[in-house]
């Protein structure tokens, strides 16, 4: 069988697969109908035991198997599809969500990623889910149509023919764009870093307009700062007040924010205008995959871990109630004290907009 850019050869085997405390899972026993005689959380599955793997991409894998969660169109038989098998083991009164699962990707070391089967975890959602229909479910992939793409308010012509699609893929680390679109969007997203030399603040927003809603990613999701050969426009001494008639503003040119994009070219029926919404999008949005109604739900995810010292320093202008335009007007210490760190952490508790990172 084909997997990504590689191939796997093997034999079909049958075994019992269980999700329980041994796999760090919580199982609601009331959901299971017990038809197969197995304990709740267990199911009898058919899967491929590989006997030969192509070097690419498997040589780079640090895990022992692939837990496929495609639609049935990509499975060898319904018995190879976990969502199909699981739906037959769930009580009739819970069938509306029996073939759905929700994915939460952690945003830092203080969080843990998780996946919920037979529904989704409302506790990970900052807002209600917005649903997009799956394009051609017979293909087996979690594909959704893209109506248009914008950077801020500037719309690209690339999707005007109605052929743009997005694959929502937890196995892709970056945002993938078609090769013919790469240069155009790269230039629009590349921008100067903030005064602190990071990409956590201002910058162009990338919008994917779907059927009834828009998925948006900002510089902190899609870009990373890189040092350039240019120097600062002005000396970075922010402690001295500028002259009264000095109207220039501080700008950095020694660091720039570069979009982290990859390209992938595929022929029909998946390509040629296929985008892949990988971890760049899926860390910001909690996503729900509904195989019964053939749709994908998006909702901004709640990330509530306490910020690190460096993350806290990034938010200092907002915590102090000042903007970047006023930063050079205030005399401030270049080395924060313990009192400063304590004061800024206390400010986070009373500023609703900063309490949770969507």
Protein backbone atom coordinates (compact mmCIF):
# COMPACT_ATOMS: atom_id res chain seq x y z
CA UNK A 1 0.00 0.00 0.00
CA UNK A 2 1.05 3.61 -0.49
CA UNK A 3 1.76 5.81 2.51
CA UNK A 4 2.59 9.45 1.89
CA UNK A 5 5.64 9.46 -0.36
CA UNK A 6 6.52 5.83 0.34
CA UNK A 7 5.22 2.28 0.15
CA UNK A 8 4.65 -0.56 2.60
CA UNK A 9 4.34 -4.27 1.87
CA UNK A 10 2.96 -6.71 4.41
CA UNK A 11 0.33 -9.22 5.43
CA UNK A 12 -3.16 -8.61 6.78
CA UNK A 13 -3.56 -9.77 10.38
CA UNK A 14 -6.37 -9.70 12.92
CA UNK A 15 -5.85 -8.77 16.55
CA UNK A 16 -7.59 -7.21 19.51
CA UNK A 17 -6.77 -3.54 20.07
CA UNK A 18 -7.54 -1.94 23.43
CA UNK A 19 -7.60 1.63 24.72
CA UNK A 20 -7.50 1.70 28.53
CA UNK A 21 -5.36 2.84 31.44
CA UNK A 22 -2.38 0.93 30.04
CA UNK A 23 -2.43 3.28 27.05
CA UNK A 24 -3.10 6.36 29.22
CA UNK A 25 -6.75 6.36 28.11
CA UNK A 26 -10.01 6.94 29.95
CA UNK A 27 -12.93 4.81 28.75
CA UNK A 28 -16.60 5.56 29.42
CA UNK A 29 -17.98 2.04 29.91
CA UNK A 30 -21.57 3.22 29.42
CA UNK A 31 -20.89 3.86 25.71
CA UNK A 32 -20.07 0.24 24.83
CA UNK A 33 -22.74 -2.31 23.87
CA UNK A 34 -20.60 -5.39 24.57
CA UNK A 35 -21.71 -7.18 21.37
CA UNK A 36 -18.32 -8.74 20.66
CA UNK A 37 -17.81 -10.05 24.19
CA UNK A 38 -14.70 -7.89 24.73
CA UNK A 39 -14.17 -5.47 27.57
CA UNK A 40 -15.06 -1.79 26.97
CA UNK A 41 -12.38 0.00 25.00
CA UNK A 42 -11.36 -3.12 23.07
CA UNK A 43 -12.17 -4.05 19.47
CA UNK A 44 -11.23 -6.71 16.95
CA UNK A 45 -9.37 -5.07 14.05
CA UNK A 46 -7.78 -6.02 10.73
CA UNK A 47 -4.54 -4.20 9.95
CA UNK A 48 -1.36 -4.47 7.93
CA UNK A 49 1.73 -6.00 9.52
CA UNK A 50 4.57 -4.59 7.42
CA UNK A 51 7.25 -6.93 6.08
CA UNK A 52 8.98 -4.38 3.85
CA UNK A 53 9.09 -0.56 4.02
CA UNK A 54 10.53 1.95 1.57
CA UNK A 55 13.42 3.96 2.97
CA UNK A 56 11.49 7.21 2.52
CA UNK A 57 9.75 8.32 4.63
CA UNK A 58 9.92 5.44 7.13
CA UNK A 59 13.62 5.76 7.93
CA UNK A 60 12.80 9.05 9.65
CA UNK A 61 9.99 7.63 11.77
CA UNK A 62 10.57 7.38 15.50
CA UNK A 63 7.50 5.24 16.15
CA UNK A 64 6.45 1.65 15.52
CA UNK A 65 3.18 2.01 13.65
CA UNK A 66 0.67 4.27 11.95
CA UNK A 67 -2.70 4.80 13.59
CA UNK A 68 -4.76 5.57 10.50
CA UNK A 69 -8.02 7.49 10.96
CA UNK A 70 -9.13 8.04 7.38
CA UNK A 71 -12.60 7.78 5.94
CA UNK A 72 -13.62 4.34 4.62
CA UNK A 73 -12.69 5.29 1.06
CA UNK A 74 -9.01 4.95 1.94
CA UNK A 75 -9.34 1.66 3.89
CA UNK A 76 -8.86 -1.77 2.33
CA UNK A 77 -12.17 -2.95 3.86
CA UNK A 78 -14.57 -1.62 6.54
CA UNK A 79 -12.87 -4.02 8.97
CA UNK A 80 -9.64 -2.05 8.45
CA UNK A 81 -11.29 1.25 9.38
CA UNK A 82 -11.16 2.00 13.09
CA UNK A 83 -14.08 4.47 13.04
CA UNK A 84 -16.30 1.95 11.26
CA UNK A 85 -15.40 -0.88 13.64
CA UNK A 86 -15.83 1.31 16.72
CA UNK A 87 -19.25 2.57 15.64
CA UNK A 88 -20.63 -0.98 15.76
CA UNK A 89 -19.52 -1.31 19.39
CA UNK A 90 -21.12 1.88 20.70
CA UNK A 91 -24.64 1.98 22.11
CA UNK A 92 -27.39 3.06 19.71
CA UNK A 93 -28.23 6.14 21.77
CA UNK A 94 -24.70 7.47 21.17
CA UNK A 95 -24.55 6.74 17.44
CA UNK A 96 -24.74 10.42 16.46
CA UNK A 97 -21.11 10.85 17.54
CA UNK A 98 -19.92 7.25 17.24
CA UNK A 99 -17.79 7.91 14.14
CA UNK A 100 -16.28 11.22 15.27
CA UNK A 101 -13.07 12.12 17.05
CA UNK A 102 -11.49 15.34 18.31
CA UNK A 103 -7.79 16.26 18.25
CA UNK A 104 -6.01 18.63 20.63
CA UNK A 105 -2.35 19.48 19.98
CA UNK A 106 -0.35 20.84 22.91
CA UNK A 107 1.26 24.24 22.48
CA UNK A 108 4.02 23.91 25.09
CA UNK A 109 5.73 21.49 27.46
CA UNK A 110 3.15 22.08 30.22
CA UNK A 111 0.33 20.62 28.09
CA UNK A 112 -0.40 17.16 26.73
CA UNK A 113 -1.90 16.43 23.33
CA UNK A 114 -4.93 14.16 23.32
CA UNK A 115 -7.52 12.55 21.08
CA UNK A 116 -11.15 11.81 21.97
CA UNK A 117 -13.16 9.05 20.24
CA UNK A 118 -16.92 8.80 20.06
CA UNK A 119 -17.27 12.58 20.31
CA UNK A 120 -15.02 15.45 21.36
CA UNK A 121 -13.82 17.34 24.44
CA UNK A 122 -15.70 20.62 24.91
CA UNK A 123 -13.14 21.65 27.52
CA UNK A 124 -10.58 22.29 24.76
CA UNK A 125 -12.84 24.76 22.95
CA UNK A 126 -12.75 28.54 23.33
CA UNK A 127 -15.76 28.90 21.01
CA UNK A 128 -18.42 26.85 19.25
CA UNK A 129 -17.35 24.58 16.41
CA UNK A 130 -17.75 25.75 12.81
CA UNK A 131 -18.24 22.93 10.31
CA UNK A 132 -16.87 22.46 6.81
CA UNK A 133 -18.11 19.66 4.50
CA UNK A 134 -15.67 17.00 3.34
CA UNK A 135 -14.88 17.19 -0.38
CA UNK A 136 -15.52 13.87 -2.18
CA UNK A 137 -15.55 11.45 0.81
CA UNK A 138 -14.97 8.52 -1.58
CA UNK A 139 -11.30 9.57 -1.77
CA UNK A 140 -10.95 8.73 1.92
CA UNK A 141 -9.04 11.88 2.84
CA UNK A 142 -10.17 14.63 5.20
CA UNK A 143 -10.37 17.26 2.45
CA UNK A 144 -12.34 20.51 2.58
CA UNK A 145 -12.99 23.09 -0.17
CA UNK A 146 -11.25 26.48 -0.01
CA UNK A 147 -13.25 29.38 -1.45
CA UNK A 148 -10.43 31.93 -1.35
CA UNK A 149 -7.18 32.89 0.39
CA UNK A 150 -6.29 36.33 1.72
CA UNK A 151 -3.37 38.03 3.40
CA UNK A 152 -5.00 40.71 5.52
CA UNK A 153 -7.53 42.22 3.10
CA UNK A 154 -5.69 41.31 -0.12
CA UNK A 155 -7.28 38.36 -1.91
CA UNK A 156 -5.23 36.10 -4.17
CA UNK A 157 -6.54 35.02 -7.58
CA UNK A 158 -5.15 31.49 -7.18
CA UNK A 159 -8.43 29.92 -6.02
CA UNK A 160 -10.78 31.83 -8.32
CA UNK A 161 -11.39 28.68 -10.40
CA UNK A 162 -12.90 26.87 -7.41
CA UNK A 163 -10.31 24.07 -7.48
CA UNK A 164 -8.50 24.76 -4.19
CA UNK A 165 -8.74 22.10 -1.50
CA UNK A 166 -7.20 21.67 1.95
CA UNK A 167 -6.23 18.39 3.58
CA UNK A 168 -6.47 18.61 7.36
CA UNK A 169 -3.55 16.48 8.51
CA UNK A 170 -2.19 15.98 12.02
CA UNK A 171 0.86 14.24 10.54
CA UNK A 172 2.17 17.35 8.76
CA UNK A 173 4.24 19.74 10.87
CA UNK A 174 4.02 22.82 8.64
CA UNK A 175 1.61 24.57 6.35
CA UNK A 176 1.89 23.16 2.82
CA UNK A 177 1.06 25.12 -0.33
CA UNK A 178 1.14 24.24 -4.05
CA UNK A 179 4.52 25.04 -5.68
CA UNK A 180 2.97 27.54 -8.11
CA UNK A 181 1.58 29.53 -5.18
CA UNK A 182 4.63 29.42 -2.93
CA UNK A 183 6.57 32.50 -4.06
CA UNK A 184 3.52 34.76 -4.13
CA UNK A 185 2.31 33.95 -0.63
CA UNK A 186 5.84 33.77 0.81
CA UNK A 187 6.58 37.35 -0.22
CA UNK A 188 3.31 38.59 1.22
CA UNK A 189 3.88 36.92 4.59
CA UNK A 190 7.56 37.81 5.08
CA UNK A 191 7.88 40.86 7.32
CA UNK A 192 10.08 42.70 9.81
CA UNK A 193 10.24 41.32 13.35
CA UNK A 194 9.04 43.18 16.42
CA UNK A 195 11.42 45.42 18.34
CA UNK A 196 12.32 42.50 20.61
CA UNK A 197 13.38 40.40 17.61
CA UNK A 198 10.50 37.92 17.70
CA UNK A 199 7.43 37.14 15.57
CA UNK A 200 4.82 37.06 18.32
CA UNK A 201 3.18 40.40 17.59
CA UNK A 202 2.31 42.48 14.55
CA UNK A 203 2.39 41.10 11.03
CA UNK A 204 0.15 39.99 8.16
CA UNK A 205 -2.68 37.56 8.86
CA UNK A 206 -3.25 34.58 6.57
CA UNK A 207 -6.94 33.75 6.00
CA UNK A 208 -8.41 30.58 4.49
CA UNK A 209 -12.03 31.28 3.56
CA UNK A 210 -14.00 28.05 3.77
CA UNK A 211 -17.66 27.35 3.09
CA UNK A 212 -19.22 29.33 5.97
CA UNK A 213 -16.29 30.57 8.06
CA UNK A 214 -12.64 31.59 7.93
CA UNK A 215 -9.56 29.93 9.42
CA UNK A 216 -6.92 32.51 10.32
CA UNK A 217 -3.28 32.12 11.36
CA UNK A 218 -1.03 34.92 12.60
CA UNK A 219 2.78 35.35 12.57
CA UNK A 220 3.21 33.53 15.88
CA UNK A 221 1.70 30.42 14.25
CA UNK A 222 3.22 30.48 10.76
CA UNK A 223 6.60 32.25 11.06
CA UNK A 224 9.98 32.24 12.79
CA UNK A 225 12.57 35.00 13.25
CA UNK A 226 15.86 34.74 11.39
CA UNK A 227 18.88 37.01 11.55
CA UNK A 228 19.67 38.94 8.38
CA UNK A 229 22.83 40.67 7.16
CA UNK A 230 21.25 44.10 7.64
CA UNK A 231 21.70 46.22 10.75
CA UNK A 232 19.18 48.10 12.82
CA UNK A 233 17.71 51.23 11.23
CA UNK A 234 18.50 53.13 14.43
CA UNK A 235 20.55 52.39 17.52
CA UNK A 236 18.51 50.09 19.82
CA UNK A 237 19.01 52.27 22.89
CA UNK A 238 15.40 52.53 24.04
CA UNK A 239 16.20 54.20 27.35
CA UNK A 240 16.87 57.72 26.12
CA UNK A 241 14.00 59.99 25.17
CA UNK A 242 14.09 60.98 21.46
CA UNK A 243 14.39 64.60 20.45
CA UNK A 244 11.11 66.48 20.42
CA UNK A 245 11.26 67.00 16.64
CA UNK A 246 12.32 63.40 15.91
CA UNK A 247 9.35 61.72 14.18
CA UNK A 248 11.16 58.53 13.19
CA UNK A 249 10.17 55.23 14.78
CA UNK A 250 12.37 52.34 15.79
CA UNK A 251 12.44 49.44 13.32
CA UNK A 252 14.47 46.27 13.15
CA UNK A 253 16.08 44.99 9.99
CA UNK A 254 18.61 42.61 11.57
CA UNK A 255 15.79 40.13 12.22
CA UNK A 256 12.96 39.25 9.86
CA UNK A 257 10.00 36.92 10.21
CA UNK A 258 9.99 34.21 7.55
CA UNK A 259 6.89 32.05 6.94
CA UNK A 260 7.46 28.34 7.62
CA UNK A 261 5.96 26.86 4.47
CA UNK A 262 6.54 23.66 2.53
CA UNK A 263 5.44 22.67 -0.95
CA UNK A 264 3.79 19.52 -2.21
CA UNK A 265 2.75 18.87 -5.80
CA UNK A 266 0.10 16.24 -6.45
CA UNK A 267 -1.87 15.32 -9.53
CA UNK A 268 -5.63 14.92 -9.67
CA UNK A 269 -7.81 13.93 -7.92
CA UNK A 270 -6.05 15.40 -4.86
CA UNK A 271 -4.08 18.09 -6.69
CA UNK A 272 -2.93 20.21 -8.25
CA UNK A 273 -4.24 22.97 -5.96
CA UNK A 274 -3.94 21.10 -2.67
CA UNK A 275 -3.04 22.84 0.59
CA UNK A 276 -2.25 20.93 3.77
CA UNK A 277 -3.32 22.41 7.09
CA UNK A 278 -0.81 20.83 9.45
CA UNK A 279 0.26 21.63 13.00
CA UNK A 280 0.53 25.33 12.15
CA UNK A 281 -3.28 25.45 12.08
CA UNK A 282 -4.09 22.50 14.34
CA UNK A 283 -2.35 23.92 17.40
CA UNK A 284 -4.48 27.05 17.20
CA UNK A 285 -7.72 25.21 16.40
CA UNK A 286 -9.27 22.20 18.09
CA UNK A 287 -10.53 20.01 15.25
CA UNK A 288 -13.30 17.42 15.15
CA UNK A 289 -13.63 14.82 12.38
CA UNK A 290 -17.12 13.43 11.79
CA UNK A 291 -17.10 10.39 9.47
CA UNK A 292 -20.87 9.87 9.74
CA UNK A 293 -21.87 13.34 8.50
CA UNK A 294 -18.67 13.79 6.42
CA UNK A 295 -17.56 17.09 7.94
CA UNK A 296 -14.73 18.71 9.92
CA UNK A 297 -15.27 21.12 12.81
CA UNK A 298 -12.91 23.97 13.77
CA UNK A 299 -12.88 25.94 17.00
CA UNK A 300 -10.10 27.95 18.62
CA UNK A 301 -8.39 25.83 21.24
CA UNK A 302 -7.80 26.78 24.87
CA UNK A 303 -4.13 26.83 25.87
CA UNK A 304 -3.94 27.75 29.53
CA UNK A 305 -0.41 26.92 30.68
CA UNK A 306 1.52 29.63 32.50
CA UNK A 307 3.92 31.54 30.21
CA UNK A 308 7.66 31.08 30.48
CA UNK A 309 9.87 34.02 31.41
CA UNK A 310 10.68 34.67 27.75
CA UNK A 311 7.01 34.44 26.74
CA UNK A 312 6.15 36.85 29.53
CA UNK A 313 8.73 39.39 28.36
CA UNK A 314 7.18 39.30 24.89
CA UNK A 315 3.88 40.51 26.40
CA UNK A 316 5.40 43.28 28.54
CA UNK A 317 4.17 46.20 26.36
CA UNK A 318 0.60 44.92 26.59
CA UNK A 319 0.86 44.11 30.30
CA UNK A 320 2.16 47.59 31.05
CA UNK A 321 -0.68 49.10 29.04
CA UNK A 322 1.51 50.62 26.36
CA UNK A 323 1.85 50.04 22.64
CA UNK A 324 4.92 49.62 20.49
CA UNK A 325 4.66 53.24 19.33
CA UNK A 326 5.15 54.40 22.92
CA UNK A 327 7.87 51.92 23.80
CA UNK A 328 10.75 54.26 22.98
CA UNK A 329 9.19 57.13 24.95
CA UNK A 330 9.43 55.38 28.32
CA UNK A 331 12.58 54.91 30.33
CA UNK A 332 12.75 51.27 31.44
CA UNK A 333 15.22 48.82 32.89
CA UNK A 334 16.94 46.56 30.38
CA UNK A 335 17.22 43.76 32.99
CA UNK A 336 13.85 42.97 34.66
CA UNK A 337 13.85 42.35 38.41
CA UNK A 338 12.00 39.58 40.25
CA UNK A 339 9.41 42.21 41.19
CA UNK A 340 8.81 42.95 37.48
CA UNK A 341 8.22 39.26 36.71
CA UNK A 342 5.82 38.96 39.68
CA UNK A 343 3.93 42.11 38.65
CA UNK A 344 3.51 40.93 35.05
CA UNK A 345 2.29 37.49 36.15
CA UNK A 346 -0.29 39.18 38.39
CA UNK A 347 -1.39 41.33 35.44
CA UNK A 348 -2.11 38.18 33.42
CA UNK A 349 -4.70 37.15 36.04
CA UNK A 350 -6.79 40.30 35.59
CA UNK A 351 -6.53 40.76 31.83
CA UNK A 352 -9.14 38.43 30.24
CA UNK A 353 -7.64 38.77 26.79
CA UNK A 354 -4.30 37.46 28.01
CA UNK A 355 -5.52 34.77 30.38
CA UNK A 356 -5.91 32.17 27.66
CA UNK A 357 -4.08 31.91 24.37
CA UNK A 358 -6.50 30.99 21.54
